[in-house]
Amino acid sequence: MLTEQAKKIVENIDAKMQEAVLFLEEDLKTYRVGKANPSIFKNVMVSYYGTMTPIGQVSSITTPDAKTLAIQPWERSLIAAIEKAIIDSNVGLTPQNNGEIIRCTVPALTEERRRELIKKAKASGENAKIVVRNARRDAVDQLRKAQKNDGLSEDTEKEAEEEVQKITDKNIATIDEIVAAKEKEILTV
């Protein structure tokens, strides 16, 4: 049975690992994979009255069909700034406007671009695994310190280390699943 101190260490590390997994999921959503997805514009910033603002805060972004993104600015005067931000952001889309709405057609991915995206997704997955492993190392260090300085029993420390390892394995498996799913999505034509 884990003591309160050991439970707290395990819970904190579990939360850190979960954050790494969530960050990976959010990061992979920004990849343009041949179908329209508003999260492609998540990192696009528009100059709005001199302040860099996320595109989603100055317009609504919709997907009228599987290959088109429509951006409706809250103010017409923002159309040029939004178009410039999209072009400058290197998301690989060319904006076209009709004076009210900006449309971006999502082109099909080339084989080379698919390979690049898969490589990038795997690298992001590997970075998330590094964060998880570092969190595991921190937990083990904290548990050993608690055993040495705070009188945590050796059995409790070993039990807590096993729990941390289980949580680590679970999160690593989740990361692998997320990356594999993204790879499958990228390869789907």
N, C-alpha and C. Protein backbone atom coordinates (compact mmCIF):
# COMPACT_ATOMS: atom_id res chain seq x y z
N MET A 1 0.85 -1.19 0.00
CA MET A 1 0.00 0.00 0.00
C MET A 1 0.89 1.25 0.00
N LEU A 2 0.61 2.16 -0.93
CA LEU A 2 1.42 3.37 -1.05
C LEU A 2 1.04 4.38 0.03
N THR A 3 2.04 5.09 0.54
CA THR A 3 1.78 6.16 1.50
C THR A 3 1.27 7.38 0.74
N GLU A 4 0.77 8.35 1.48
CA GLU A 4 0.26 9.59 0.86
C GLU A 4 1.35 10.27 0.03
N GLN A 5 2.55 10.33 0.58
CA GLN A 5 3.66 10.98 -0.11
C GLN A 5 3.96 10.28 -1.43
N ALA A 6 4.02 8.96 -1.41
CA ALA A 6 4.30 8.20 -2.63
C ALA A 6 3.16 8.35 -3.63
N LYS A 7 1.92 8.32 -3.15
CA LYS A 7 0.76 8.49 -4.04
C LYS A 7 0.82 9.85 -4.73
N LYS A 8 1.18 10.86 -3.95
CA LYS A 8 1.24 12.22 -4.51
C LYS A 8 2.29 12.30 -5.63
N ILE A 9 3.45 11.70 -5.40
CA ILE A 9 4.51 11.69 -6.41
C ILE A 9 4.01 10.99 -7.68
N VAL A 10 3.39 9.82 -7.51
CA VAL A 10 2.88 9.05 -8.65
C VAL A 10 1.81 9.84 -9.40
N GLU A 11 0.88 10.46 -8.67
CA GLU A 11 -0.19 11.24 -9.31
C GLU A 11 0.37 12.43 -10.09
N ASN A 12 1.35 13.13 -9.50
CA ASN A 12 1.95 14.29 -10.18
C ASN A 12 2.63 13.86 -11.48
N ILE A 13 3.34 12.75 -11.44
CA ILE A 13 4.05 12.27 -12.63
C ILE A 13 3.04 11.81 -13.68
N ASP A 14 1.97 11.15 -13.24
CA ASP A 14 0.92 10.72 -14.17
C ASP A 14 0.34 11.94 -14.89
N ALA A 15 0.10 13.02 -14.16
CA ALA A 15 -0.44 14.25 -14.76
C ALA A 15 0.53 14.83 -15.78
N LYS A 16 1.83 14.82 -15.45
CA LYS A 16 2.84 15.34 -16.40
C LYS A 16 2.86 14.51 -17.68
N MET A 17 2.76 13.20 -17.52
CA MET A 17 2.78 12.32 -18.69
C MET A 17 1.53 12.53 -19.54
N GLN A 18 0.39 12.70 -18.90
CA GLN A 18 -0.87 12.95 -19.62
C GLN A 18 -0.76 14.25 -20.43
N GLU A 19 -0.13 15.27 -19.85
CA GLU A 19 0.06 16.54 -20.56
C GLU A 19 0.88 16.33 -21.83
N ALA A 20 1.91 15.50 -21.76
CA ALA A 20 2.75 15.22 -22.93
C ALA A 20 1.92 14.55 -24.02
N VAL A 21 1.06 13.61 -23.64
CA VAL A 21 0.20 12.92 -24.60
C VAL A 21 -0.78 13.90 -25.23
N LEU A 22 -1.41 14.74 -24.41
CA LEU A 22 -2.37 15.73 -24.94
C LEU A 22 -1.68 16.72 -25.87
N PHE A 23 -0.47 17.14 -25.51
CA PHE A 23 0.27 18.06 -26.37
C PHE A 23 0.54 17.43 -27.72
N LEU A 24 0.93 16.16 -27.71
CA LEU A 24 1.18 15.44 -28.97
C LEU A 24 -0.09 15.40 -29.81
N GLU A 25 -1.22 15.07 -29.20
CA GLU A 25 -2.48 15.01 -29.94
C GLU A 25 -2.80 16.36 -30.58
N GLU A 26 -2.65 17.44 -29.82
CA GLU A 26 -2.95 18.77 -30.34
C GLU A 26 -1.98 19.14 -31.46
N ASP A 27 -0.71 18.79 -31.30
CA ASP A 27 0.30 19.09 -32.32
C ASP A 27 -0.02 18.37 -33.62
N LEU A 28 -0.39 17.11 -33.53
CA LEU A 28 -0.67 16.32 -34.74
C LEU A 28 -1.93 16.81 -35.46
N LYS A 29 -2.84 17.45 -34.74
CA LYS A 29 -4.05 17.98 -35.37
C LYS A 29 -3.74 19.11 -36.35
N THR A 30 -2.60 19.77 -36.15
CA THR A 30 -2.26 20.90 -37.02
C THR A 30 -1.65 20.47 -38.35
N TYR A 31 -1.42 19.17 -38.54
CA TYR A 31 -0.84 18.68 -39.78
C TYR A 31 -1.90 18.68 -40.88
N ARG A 32 -1.54 19.21 -42.03
CA ARG A 32 -2.47 19.23 -43.17
C ARG A 32 -2.32 17.90 -43.89
N VAL A 33 -3.38 17.08 -43.84
CA VAL A 33 -3.29 15.72 -44.38
C VAL A 33 -4.23 15.47 -45.54
N GLY A 34 -4.56 16.50 -46.30
CA GLY A 34 -5.34 16.28 -47.50
C GLY A 34 -6.84 16.46 -47.33
N LYS A 35 -7.30 16.67 -46.08
CA LYS A 35 -8.70 17.02 -45.91
C LYS A 35 -8.79 18.28 -45.07
N ALA A 36 -9.88 18.99 -45.28
CA ALA A 36 -10.06 20.27 -44.60
C ALA A 36 -10.25 20.05 -43.10
N ASN A 37 -9.47 20.77 -42.30
CA ASN A 37 -9.57 20.69 -40.84
C ASN A 37 -9.21 22.08 -40.30
N PRO A 38 -10.14 22.74 -39.62
CA PRO A 38 -9.87 24.10 -39.11
C PRO A 38 -8.65 24.20 -38.21
N SER A 39 -8.26 23.11 -37.57
CA SER A 39 -7.10 23.19 -36.67
C SER A 39 -5.78 23.41 -37.43
N ILE A 40 -5.82 23.31 -38.76
CA ILE A 40 -4.63 23.64 -39.56
C ILE A 40 -4.19 25.08 -39.25
N PHE A 41 -5.17 25.94 -38.97
CA PHE A 41 -4.88 27.36 -38.73
C PHE A 41 -4.61 27.68 -37.26
N LYS A 42 -4.48 26.67 -36.42
CA LYS A 42 -4.31 26.89 -34.99
C LYS A 42 -3.14 27.83 -34.66
N ASN A 43 -2.05 27.69 -35.40
CA ASN A 43 -0.86 28.50 -35.10
C ASN A 43 -0.71 29.73 -35.99
N VAL A 44 -1.72 30.02 -36.81
CA VAL A 44 -1.65 31.18 -37.70
C VAL A 44 -2.07 32.43 -36.92
N MET A 45 -1.20 33.42 -36.93
CA MET A 45 -1.45 34.67 -36.20
C MET A 45 -1.69 35.82 -37.18
N VAL A 46 -2.68 36.66 -36.86
CA VAL A 46 -3.07 37.79 -37.70
C VAL A 46 -2.77 39.08 -36.94
N SER A 47 -2.29 40.08 -37.66
CA SER A 47 -2.07 41.38 -37.03
C SER A 47 -3.43 42.08 -36.90
N TYR A 48 -3.90 42.19 -35.68
CA TYR A 48 -5.23 42.77 -35.41
C TYR A 48 -5.02 44.00 -34.53
N TYR A 49 -5.13 45.18 -35.15
CA TYR A 49 -4.88 46.45 -34.48
C TYR A 49 -3.53 46.45 -33.78
N GLY A 50 -2.51 45.95 -34.48
CA GLY A 50 -1.15 45.97 -33.98
C GLY A 50 -0.80 44.82 -33.05
N THR A 51 -1.74 43.95 -32.75
CA THR A 51 -1.48 42.82 -31.85
C THR A 51 -1.59 41.53 -32.64
N MET A 52 -0.63 40.63 -32.45
CA MET A 52 -0.70 39.33 -33.12
C MET A 52 -1.74 38.47 -32.39
N THR A 53 -2.77 38.09 -33.14
CA THR A 53 -3.92 37.38 -32.58
C THR A 53 -4.16 36.10 -33.38
N PRO A 54 -4.51 35.00 -32.70
CA PRO A 54 -4.83 33.77 -33.45
C PRO A 54 -5.99 34.00 -34.41
N ILE A 55 -5.90 33.39 -35.59
CA ILE A 55 -6.90 33.60 -36.64
C ILE A 55 -8.31 33.22 -36.16
N GLY A 56 -8.40 32.24 -35.28
CA GLY A 56 -9.69 31.81 -34.77
C GLY A 56 -10.37 32.82 -33.87
N GLN A 57 -9.63 33.83 -33.40
CA GLN A 57 -10.21 34.86 -32.53
C GLN A 57 -10.68 36.09 -33.31
N VAL A 58 -10.39 36.13 -34.61
CA VAL A 58 -10.84 37.27 -35.41
C VAL A 58 -11.76 36.84 -36.55
N SER A 59 -12.09 35.54 -36.59
CA SER A 59 -12.93 35.03 -37.66
C SER A 59 -13.53 33.68 -37.26
N SER A 60 -14.50 33.25 -38.06
CA SER A 60 -14.99 31.88 -37.86
C SER A 60 -14.43 31.04 -39.00
N ILE A 61 -14.04 29.82 -38.69
CA ILE A 61 -13.45 28.92 -39.69
C ILE A 61 -14.37 27.71 -39.80
N THR A 62 -14.85 27.46 -41.01
CA THR A 62 -15.74 26.34 -41.23
C THR A 62 -15.23 25.47 -42.37
N THR A 63 -15.79 24.27 -42.50
CA THR A 63 -15.43 23.36 -43.58
C THR A 63 -16.70 23.04 -44.37
N PRO A 64 -16.99 23.83 -45.41
CA PRO A 64 -18.19 23.59 -46.21
C PRO A 64 -18.18 22.23 -46.91
N ASP A 65 -16.99 21.72 -47.22
CA ASP A 65 -16.87 20.37 -47.78
C ASP A 65 -15.52 19.80 -47.38
N ALA A 66 -15.23 18.58 -47.77
CA ALA A 66 -14.03 17.88 -47.31
C ALA A 66 -12.72 18.50 -47.79
N LYS A 67 -12.77 19.31 -48.83
CA LYS A 67 -11.54 19.87 -49.39
C LYS A 67 -11.45 21.40 -49.28
N THR A 68 -12.41 22.04 -48.59
CA THR A 68 -12.44 23.49 -48.54
C THR A 68 -12.57 24.00 -47.11
N LEU A 69 -11.81 25.05 -46.82
CA LEU A 69 -11.93 25.77 -45.56
C LEU A 69 -12.44 27.16 -45.88
N ALA A 70 -13.44 27.63 -45.14
CA ALA A 70 -13.99 28.96 -45.34
C ALA A 70 -13.72 29.78 -44.08
N ILE A 71 -13.15 30.97 -44.28
CA ILE A 71 -12.83 31.84 -43.16
C ILE A 71 -13.66 33.11 -43.31
N GLN A 72 -14.52 33.36 -42.33
CA GLN A 72 -15.40 34.54 -42.34
C GLN A 72 -14.87 35.50 -41.28
N PRO A 73 -14.14 36.57 -41.69
CA PRO A 73 -13.60 37.51 -40.70
C PRO A 73 -14.73 38.28 -40.01
N TRP A 74 -14.51 38.64 -38.75
CA TRP A 74 -15.52 39.42 -38.04
C TRP A 74 -15.61 40.82 -38.64
N GLU A 75 -14.50 41.32 -39.20
CA GLU A 75 -14.47 42.63 -39.83
C GLU A 75 -13.90 42.49 -41.24
N ARG A 76 -14.56 43.13 -42.21
CA ARG A 76 -14.09 43.04 -43.60
C ARG A 76 -12.68 43.56 -43.78
N SER A 77 -12.30 44.54 -42.97
CA SER A 77 -10.97 45.14 -43.11
C SER A 77 -9.85 44.13 -42.80
N LEU A 78 -10.18 43.00 -42.21
CA LEU A 78 -9.18 41.99 -41.86
C LEU A 78 -8.86 41.03 -42.99
N ILE A 79 -9.61 41.06 -44.07
CA ILE A 79 -9.43 40.07 -45.14
C ILE A 79 -7.99 40.05 -45.64
N ALA A 80 -7.42 41.21 -45.94
CA ALA A 80 -6.05 41.26 -46.46
C ALA A 80 -5.05 40.75 -45.41
N ALA A 81 -5.24 41.12 -44.15
CA ALA A 81 -4.33 40.68 -43.09
C ALA A 81 -4.40 39.17 -42.89
N ILE A 82 -5.61 38.60 -42.98
CA ILE A 82 -5.78 37.15 -42.82
C ILE A 82 -5.12 36.41 -43.99
N GLU A 83 -5.34 36.92 -45.21
CA GLU A 83 -4.71 36.28 -46.37
C GLU A 83 -3.19 36.29 -46.23
N LYS A 84 -2.64 37.45 -45.82
CA LYS A 84 -1.19 37.56 -45.65
C LYS A 84 -0.70 36.59 -44.57
N ALA A 85 -1.43 36.48 -43.48
CA ALA A 85 -1.04 35.58 -42.39
C ALA A 85 -1.04 34.12 -42.85
N ILE A 86 -2.02 33.74 -43.66
CA ILE A 86 -2.09 32.36 -44.16
C ILE A 86 -0.90 32.07 -45.08
N ILE A 87 -0.62 33.01 -45.97
CA ILE A 87 0.51 32.82 -46.89
C ILE A 87 1.83 32.76 -46.12
N ASP A 88 2.01 33.66 -45.15
CA ASP A 88 3.25 33.73 -44.38
C ASP A 88 3.44 32.53 -43.45
N SER A 89 2.35 31.86 -43.09
CA SER A 89 2.43 30.77 -42.10
C SER A 89 2.96 29.46 -42.68
N ASN A 90 3.07 29.35 -43.99
CA ASN A 90 3.57 28.13 -44.63
C ASN A 90 2.73 26.89 -44.32
N VAL A 91 1.39 27.05 -44.25
CA VAL A 91 0.54 25.87 -44.06
C VAL A 91 0.28 25.18 -45.39
N GLY A 92 0.75 25.77 -46.48
CA GLY A 92 0.62 25.14 -47.78
C GLY A 92 -0.72 25.37 -48.45
N LEU A 93 -1.43 26.43 -48.05
CA LEU A 93 -2.72 26.74 -48.65
C LEU A 93 -2.67 28.12 -49.30
N THR A 94 -3.43 28.26 -50.39
CA THR A 94 -3.51 29.55 -51.07
C THR A 94 -4.90 30.14 -50.85
N PRO A 95 -4.98 31.27 -50.14
CA PRO A 95 -6.28 31.86 -49.88
C PRO A 95 -6.84 32.60 -51.10
N GLN A 96 -8.16 32.52 -51.27
CA GLN A 96 -8.87 33.28 -52.31
C GLN A 96 -10.07 33.92 -51.64
N ASN A 97 -10.34 35.21 -51.94
CA ASN A 97 -11.49 35.83 -51.28
C ASN A 97 -12.45 36.42 -52.30
N ASN A 98 -13.70 36.55 -51.88
CA ASN A 98 -14.73 37.15 -52.73
C ASN A 98 -15.20 38.47 -52.13
N GLY A 99 -14.41 39.05 -51.24
CA GLY A 99 -14.77 40.31 -50.62
C GLY A 99 -15.42 40.12 -49.26
N GLU A 100 -15.91 38.91 -48.97
CA GLU A 100 -16.54 38.64 -47.69
C GLU A 100 -15.95 37.41 -47.00
N ILE A 101 -15.69 36.37 -47.78
CA ILE A 101 -15.21 35.11 -47.24
C ILE A 101 -13.90 34.73 -47.92
N ILE A 102 -12.97 34.20 -47.13
CA ILE A 102 -11.72 33.69 -47.68
C ILE A 102 -11.88 32.18 -47.77
N ARG A 103 -11.59 31.62 -48.94
CA ARG A 103 -11.67 30.17 -49.12
C ARG A 103 -10.27 29.63 -49.39
N CYS A 104 -9.99 28.49 -48.80
CA CYS A 104 -8.73 27.79 -49.03
C CYS A 104 -9.07 26.36 -49.44
N THR A 105 -8.64 25.98 -50.63
CA THR A 105 -8.85 24.62 -51.08
C THR A 105 -7.65 23.79 -50.66
N VAL A 106 -7.92 22.67 -50.03
CA VAL A 106 -6.86 21.80 -49.53
C VAL A 106 -6.47 20.84 -50.65
N PRO A 107 -5.25 20.99 -51.19
CA PRO A 107 -4.83 20.10 -52.28
C PRO A 107 -4.49 18.70 -51.75
N ALA A 108 -4.54 17.74 -52.63
CA ALA A 108 -4.13 16.38 -52.26
C ALA A 108 -2.64 16.37 -51.96
N LEU A 109 -2.23 15.52 -51.06
CA LEU A 109 -0.81 15.45 -50.70
C LEU A 109 -0.02 14.65 -51.72
N THR A 110 1.20 15.10 -51.97
CA THR A 110 2.09 14.33 -52.83
C THR A 110 2.71 13.22 -51.99
N GLU A 111 3.27 12.23 -52.63
CA GLU A 111 3.90 11.12 -51.92
C GLU A 111 5.06 11.62 -51.05
N GLU A 112 5.82 12.57 -51.60
CA GLU A 112 6.95 13.13 -50.87
C GLU A 112 6.48 13.85 -49.61
N ARG A 113 5.40 14.64 -49.74
CA ARG A 113 4.85 15.39 -48.60
C ARG A 113 4.32 14.42 -47.53
N ARG A 114 3.72 13.33 -47.97
CA ARG A 114 3.22 12.31 -47.03
C ARG A 114 4.38 11.74 -46.21
N ARG A 115 5.48 11.43 -46.90
CA ARG A 115 6.65 10.88 -46.19
C ARG A 115 7.20 11.90 -45.18
N GLU A 116 7.24 13.17 -45.59
CA GLU A 116 7.71 14.23 -44.69
C GLU A 116 6.82 14.31 -43.45
N LEU A 117 5.50 14.27 -43.67
CA LEU A 117 4.56 14.37 -42.55
C LEU A 117 4.68 13.18 -41.60
N ILE A 118 4.87 11.99 -42.16
CA ILE A 118 5.03 10.80 -41.33
C ILE A 118 6.30 10.93 -40.49
N LYS A 119 7.37 11.39 -41.12
CA LYS A 119 8.64 11.57 -40.41
C LYS A 119 8.47 12.59 -39.28
N LYS A 120 7.76 13.68 -39.58
CA LYS A 120 7.52 14.72 -38.58
C LYS A 120 6.64 14.19 -37.44
N ALA A 121 5.62 13.40 -37.77
CA ALA A 121 4.74 12.82 -36.75
C ALA A 121 5.52 11.88 -35.84
N LYS A 122 6.39 11.06 -36.44
CA LYS A 122 7.19 10.13 -35.64
C LYS A 122 8.15 10.89 -34.73
N ALA A 123 8.73 11.98 -35.24
CA ALA A 123 9.63 12.80 -34.42
C ALA A 123 8.87 13.43 -33.25
N SER A 124 7.66 13.90 -33.51
CA SER A 124 6.84 14.47 -32.43
C SER A 124 6.51 13.39 -31.40
N GLY A 125 6.20 12.19 -31.87
CA GLY A 125 5.93 11.08 -30.97
C GLY A 125 7.14 10.75 -30.12
N GLU A 126 8.31 10.76 -30.75
CA GLU A 126 9.54 10.46 -30.02
C GLU A 126 9.81 11.53 -28.96
N ASN A 127 9.53 12.81 -29.29
CA ASN A 127 9.71 13.88 -28.31
C ASN A 127 8.76 13.69 -27.12
N ALA A 128 7.53 13.28 -27.41
CA ALA A 128 6.57 13.03 -26.33
C ALA A 128 7.06 11.88 -25.44
N LYS A 129 7.63 10.85 -26.07
CA LYS A 129 8.16 9.72 -25.28
C LYS A 129 9.32 10.17 -24.38
N ILE A 130 10.13 11.08 -24.90
CA ILE A 130 11.25 11.60 -24.10
C ILE A 130 10.71 12.33 -22.87
N VAL A 131 9.66 13.13 -23.06
CA VAL A 131 9.04 13.84 -21.93
C VAL A 131 8.52 12.83 -20.91
N VAL A 132 7.88 11.77 -21.38
CA VAL A 132 7.33 10.74 -20.49
C VAL A 132 8.48 10.05 -19.73
N ARG A 133 9.54 9.70 -20.44
CA ARG A 133 10.67 9.02 -19.78
C ARG A 133 11.36 9.94 -18.76
N ASN A 134 11.47 11.23 -19.11
CA ASN A 134 12.05 12.18 -18.16
C ASN A 134 11.18 12.30 -16.92
N ALA A 135 9.88 12.28 -17.10
CA ALA A 135 8.96 12.35 -15.96
C ALA A 135 9.13 11.10 -15.09
N ARG A 136 9.30 9.94 -15.72
CA ARG A 136 9.53 8.70 -14.96
C ARG A 136 10.81 8.82 -14.14
N ARG A 137 11.86 9.32 -14.78
CA ARG A 137 13.14 9.48 -14.08
C ARG A 137 12.99 10.43 -12.88
N ASP A 138 12.26 11.54 -13.08
CA ASP A 138 12.03 12.49 -11.99
C ASP A 138 11.27 11.82 -10.84
N ALA A 139 10.28 11.01 -11.18
CA ALA A 139 9.49 10.33 -10.14
C ALA A 139 10.38 9.37 -9.34
N VAL A 140 11.20 8.60 -10.04
CA VAL A 140 12.08 7.65 -9.36
C VAL A 140 13.05 8.41 -8.44
N ASP A 141 13.59 9.53 -8.94
CA ASP A 141 14.49 10.34 -8.12
C ASP A 141 13.77 10.86 -6.86
N GLN A 142 12.53 11.35 -7.05
CA GLN A 142 11.76 11.86 -5.91
C GLN A 142 11.47 10.75 -4.90
N LEU A 143 11.14 9.57 -5.40
CA LEU A 143 10.85 8.45 -4.50
C LEU A 143 12.11 8.04 -3.72
N ARG A 144 13.25 8.00 -4.39
CA ARG A 144 14.50 7.62 -3.71
C ARG A 144 14.89 8.67 -2.66
N LYS A 145 14.67 9.95 -3.01
CA LYS A 145 14.94 11.02 -2.05
C LYS A 145 14.03 10.89 -0.83
N ALA A 146 12.75 10.58 -1.10
CA ALA A 146 11.79 10.43 0.00
C ALA A 146 12.18 9.25 0.88
N GLN A 147 12.70 8.20 0.26
CA GLN A 147 13.14 7.03 1.05
C GLN A 147 14.33 7.42 1.92
N LYS A 148 15.26 8.15 1.32
CA LYS A 148 16.49 8.51 2.02
C LYS A 148 16.24 9.56 3.12
N ASN A 149 15.48 10.62 2.77
CA ASN A 149 15.34 11.76 3.67
C ASN A 149 14.08 11.73 4.54
N ASP A 150 12.99 11.19 4.01
CA ASP A 150 11.70 11.31 4.70
C ASP A 150 11.23 10.01 5.34
N GLY A 151 12.05 8.99 5.30
CA GLY A 151 11.70 7.74 5.96
C GLY A 151 10.70 6.87 5.23
N LEU A 152 10.58 7.05 3.92
CA LEU A 152 9.69 6.19 3.13
C LEU A 152 10.30 4.79 3.13
N SER A 153 9.49 3.78 3.37
CA SER A 153 10.03 2.42 3.45
C SER A 153 10.49 1.96 2.07
N GLU A 154 11.45 1.05 2.08
CA GLU A 154 12.00 0.54 0.82
C GLU A 154 10.93 -0.19 0.00
N ASP A 155 10.08 -0.95 0.69
CA ASP A 155 9.01 -1.67 0.00
C ASP A 155 8.04 -0.70 -0.68
N THR A 156 7.68 0.35 0.03
CA THR A 156 6.76 1.36 -0.53
C THR A 156 7.41 2.04 -1.72
N GLU A 157 8.70 2.33 -1.60
CA GLU A 157 9.42 2.98 -2.70
C GLU A 157 9.42 2.08 -3.93
N LYS A 158 9.70 0.80 -3.73
CA LYS A 158 9.73 -0.15 -4.86
C LYS A 158 8.34 -0.29 -5.47
N GLU A 159 7.31 -0.36 -4.64
CA GLU A 159 5.93 -0.48 -5.12
C GLU A 159 5.54 0.77 -5.94
N ALA A 160 5.93 1.94 -5.44
CA ALA A 160 5.64 3.18 -6.15
C ALA A 160 6.39 3.23 -7.48
N GLU A 161 7.65 2.75 -7.48
CA GLU A 161 8.42 2.71 -8.73
C GLU A 161 7.74 1.81 -9.76
N GLU A 162 7.22 0.67 -9.30
CA GLU A 162 6.50 -0.23 -10.20
C GLU A 162 5.26 0.45 -10.77
N GLU A 163 4.55 1.20 -9.94
CA GLU A 163 3.36 1.93 -10.39
C GLU A 163 3.74 2.98 -11.43
N VAL A 164 4.83 3.69 -11.18
CA VAL A 164 5.32 4.70 -12.13
C VAL A 164 5.67 4.03 -13.46
N GLN A 165 6.29 2.85 -13.40
CA GLN A 165 6.66 2.14 -14.63
C GLN A 165 5.41 1.73 -15.41
N LYS A 166 4.37 1.27 -14.69
CA LYS A 166 3.11 0.89 -15.36
C LYS A 166 2.50 2.10 -16.08
N ILE A 167 2.50 3.23 -15.38
CA ILE A 167 1.94 4.46 -15.97
C ILE A 167 2.77 4.88 -17.18
N THR A 168 4.09 4.76 -17.06
CA THR A 168 4.99 5.10 -18.17
C THR A 168 4.70 4.21 -19.38
N ASP A 169 4.60 2.90 -19.15
CA ASP A 169 4.33 1.97 -20.24
C ASP A 169 3.00 2.28 -20.92
N LYS A 170 1.99 2.59 -20.12
CA LYS A 170 0.66 2.91 -20.65
C LYS A 170 0.72 4.16 -21.54
N ASN A 171 1.43 5.19 -21.07
CA ASN A 171 1.53 6.43 -21.85
C ASN A 171 2.36 6.26 -23.11
N ILE A 172 3.42 5.47 -23.04
CA ILE A 172 4.24 5.19 -24.23
C ILE A 172 3.39 4.46 -25.27
N ALA A 173 2.59 3.49 -24.81
CA ALA A 173 1.70 2.75 -25.73
C ALA A 173 0.67 3.69 -26.35
N THR A 174 0.14 4.61 -25.56
CA THR A 174 -0.83 5.58 -26.08
C THR A 174 -0.20 6.46 -27.14
N ILE A 175 1.04 6.90 -26.90
CA ILE A 175 1.76 7.73 -27.87
C ILE A 175 1.95 6.95 -29.17
N ASP A 176 2.36 5.68 -29.06
CA ASP A 176 2.54 4.85 -30.26
C ASP A 176 1.23 4.72 -31.04
N GLU A 177 0.11 4.54 -30.32
CA GLU A 177 -1.20 4.43 -30.98
C GLU A 177 -1.56 5.72 -31.71
N ILE A 178 -1.32 6.85 -31.05
CA ILE A 178 -1.66 8.15 -31.65
C ILE A 178 -0.84 8.37 -32.92
N VAL A 179 0.46 8.09 -32.86
CA VAL A 179 1.33 8.27 -34.03
C VAL A 179 0.93 7.31 -35.15
N ALA A 180 0.62 6.07 -34.80
CA ALA A 180 0.21 5.09 -35.81
C ALA A 180 -1.10 5.52 -36.48
N ALA A 181 -2.04 6.04 -35.69
CA ALA A 181 -3.31 6.51 -36.25
C ALA A 181 -3.08 7.70 -37.19
N LYS A 182 -2.19 8.59 -36.81
CA LYS A 182 -1.89 9.75 -37.66
C LYS A 182 -1.20 9.29 -38.94
N GLU A 183 -0.30 8.33 -38.82
CA GLU A 183 0.39 7.79 -40.00
C GLU A 183 -0.63 7.19 -40.96
N LYS A 184 -1.58 6.45 -40.42
CA LYS A 184 -2.62 5.84 -41.24
C LYS A 184 -3.46 6.92 -41.93
N GLU A 185 -3.79 7.99 -41.18
CA GLU A 185 -4.56 9.09 -41.74
C GLU A 185 -3.78 9.78 -42.86
N ILE A 186 -2.48 9.96 -42.68
CA ILE A 186 -1.65 10.61 -43.70
C ILE A 186 -1.59 9.75 -44.95
N LEU A 187 -1.49 8.44 -44.79
CA LEU A 187 -1.37 7.54 -45.94
C LEU A 187 -2.69 7.31 -46.67
N THR A 188 -3.81 7.61 -46.02
CA THR A 188 -5.12 7.42 -46.66
C THR A 188 -5.30 8.47 -47.75
N VAL A 189 -5.52 8.01 -48.96
CA VAL A 189 -5.64 8.94 -50.09
C VAL A 189 -7.08 9.35 -50.23
